[in-house]
């Protein structure tokens, strides 16, 4: 059984309120990951601002 299959099997056994909590947690993780990527990109831009400005000419 794959991890996805196990997760789906366990998820389907949960009551509706617990399913909503799982969905909320997944959304939280996705949001957190997006914020981490955005912060990393901001850092890269700040670190290389001069080079990027030169390339933009």
C-alpha atoms as a PDB file:
ATOM      1  CA  UNK A   1       0.000   0.000   0.000  1.00  0.00           C
ATOM      2  CA  UNK A   2       1.350   3.395  -0.952  1.00  0.00           C
ATOM      3  CA  UNK A   3       1.470   6.317   1.442  1.00  0.00           C
ATOM      4  CA  UNK A   4      -1.301   8.062  -0.505  1.00  0.00           C
ATOM      5  CA  UNK A   5      -3.514   4.974  -0.340  1.00  0.00           C
ATOM      6  CA  UNK A   6      -2.931   4.646   3.406  1.00  0.00           C
ATOM      7  CA  UNK A   7      -3.731   8.318   3.935  1.00  0.00           C
ATOM      8  CA  UNK A   8      -6.929   8.098   1.892  1.00  0.00           C
ATOM      9  CA  UNK A   9      -8.010   4.923   3.685  1.00  0.00           C
ATOM     10  CA  UNK A  10      -7.461   6.493   7.112  1.00  0.00           C
ATOM     11  CA  UNK A  11      -9.054   9.775   6.025  1.00  0.00           C
ATOM     12  CA  UNK A  12     -12.231   8.052   4.832  1.00  0.00           C
ATOM     13  CA  UNK A  13     -12.692   6.447   8.262  1.00  0.00           C
ATOM     14  CA  UNK A  14     -12.673   9.791  10.075  1.00  0.00           C
ATOM     15  CA  UNK A  15     -15.830  11.635  11.140  1.00  0.00           C
ATOM     16  CA  UNK A  16     -16.630  14.752   9.109  1.00  0.00           C
ATOM     17  CA  UNK A  17     -15.323  17.210  11.714  1.00  0.00           C
ATOM     18  CA  UNK A  18     -11.970  15.417  11.840  1.00  0.00           C
ATOM     19  CA  UNK A  19     -11.808  15.360   8.043  1.00  0.00           C
ATOM     20  CA  UNK A  20     -12.206  19.150   8.086  1.00  0.00           C
ATOM     21  CA  UNK A  21      -9.350  19.405  10.594  1.00  0.00           C
ATOM     22  CA  UNK A  22      -7.130  17.351   8.282  1.00  0.00           C
ATOM     23  CA  UNK A  23      -8.026  19.592   5.347  1.00  0.00           C
ATOM     24  CA  UNK A  24      -7.339  22.697   7.439  1.00  0.00           C
ATOM     25  CA  UNK A  25      -3.941  21.303   8.455  1.00  0.00           C
ATOM     26  CA  UNK A  26      -3.012  20.525   4.846  1.00  0.00           C
ATOM     27  CA  UNK A  27      -3.977  24.083   3.867  1.00  0.00           C
ATOM     28  CA  UNK A  28      -1.826  25.403   6.731  1.00  0.00           C
ATOM     29  CA  UNK A  29       1.157  23.349   5.535  1.00  0.00           C
ATOM     30  CA  UNK A  30       0.709  24.583   1.969  1.00  0.00           C
ATOM     31  CA  UNK A  31       0.516  28.182   3.162  1.00  0.00           C
ATOM     32  CA  UNK A  32       3.600  27.753   5.327  1.00  0.00           C
ATOM     33  CA  UNK A  33       5.548  26.248   2.422  1.00  0.00           C
ATOM     34  CA  UNK A  34       4.476  29.094   0.136  1.00  0.00           C
ATOM     35  CA  UNK A  35       5.637  31.670   2.701  1.00  0.00           C
ATOM     36  CA  UNK A  36       8.998  29.901   3.042  1.00  0.00           C
ATOM     37  CA  UNK A  37       9.521  29.912  -0.731  1.00  0.00           C
ATOM     38  CA  UNK A  38       8.527  33.581  -0.950  1.00  0.00           C
ATOM     39  CA  UNK A  39      10.950  34.476   1.854  1.00  0.00           C
ATOM     40  CA  UNK A  40      13.726  32.547   0.112  1.00  0.00           C
ATOM     41  CA  UNK A  41      13.037  34.328  -3.180  1.00  0.00           C
ATOM     42  CA  UNK A  42      13.007  37.719  -1.432  1.00  0.00           C
ATOM     43  CA  UNK A  43      16.373  36.891   0.116  1.00  0.00           C
ATOM     44  CA  UNK A  44      17.801  35.867  -3.263  1.00  0.00           C
ATOM     45  CA  UNK A  45      16.538  39.093  -4.827  1.00  0.00           C
ATOM     46  CA  UNK A  46      17.937  41.220  -1.995  1.00  0.00           C
ATOM     47  CA  UNK A  47      21.290  39.447  -2.142  1.00  0.00           C
ATOM     48  CA  UNK A  48      21.553  39.883  -5.921  1.00  0.00           C
ATOM     49  CA  UNK A  49      19.816  43.234  -6.321  1.00  0.00           C
ATOM     50  CA  UNK A  50      22.753  44.947  -8.016  1.00  0.00           C
ATOM     51  CA  UNK A  51      23.232  42.166 -10.559  1.00  0.00           C
ATOM     52  CA  UNK A  52      19.503  42.042 -11.273  1.00  0.00           C
ATOM     53  CA  UNK A  53      19.371  45.805 -11.801  1.00  0.00           C
ATOM     54  CA  UNK A  54      22.283  45.526 -14.233  1.00  0.00           C
ATOM     55  CA  UNK A  55      20.566  42.747 -16.140  1.00  0.00           C
ATOM     56  CA  UNK A  56      17.372  44.800 -16.327  1.00  0.00           C
ATOM     57  CA  UNK A  57      19.114  47.533 -18.345  1.00  0.00           C
END
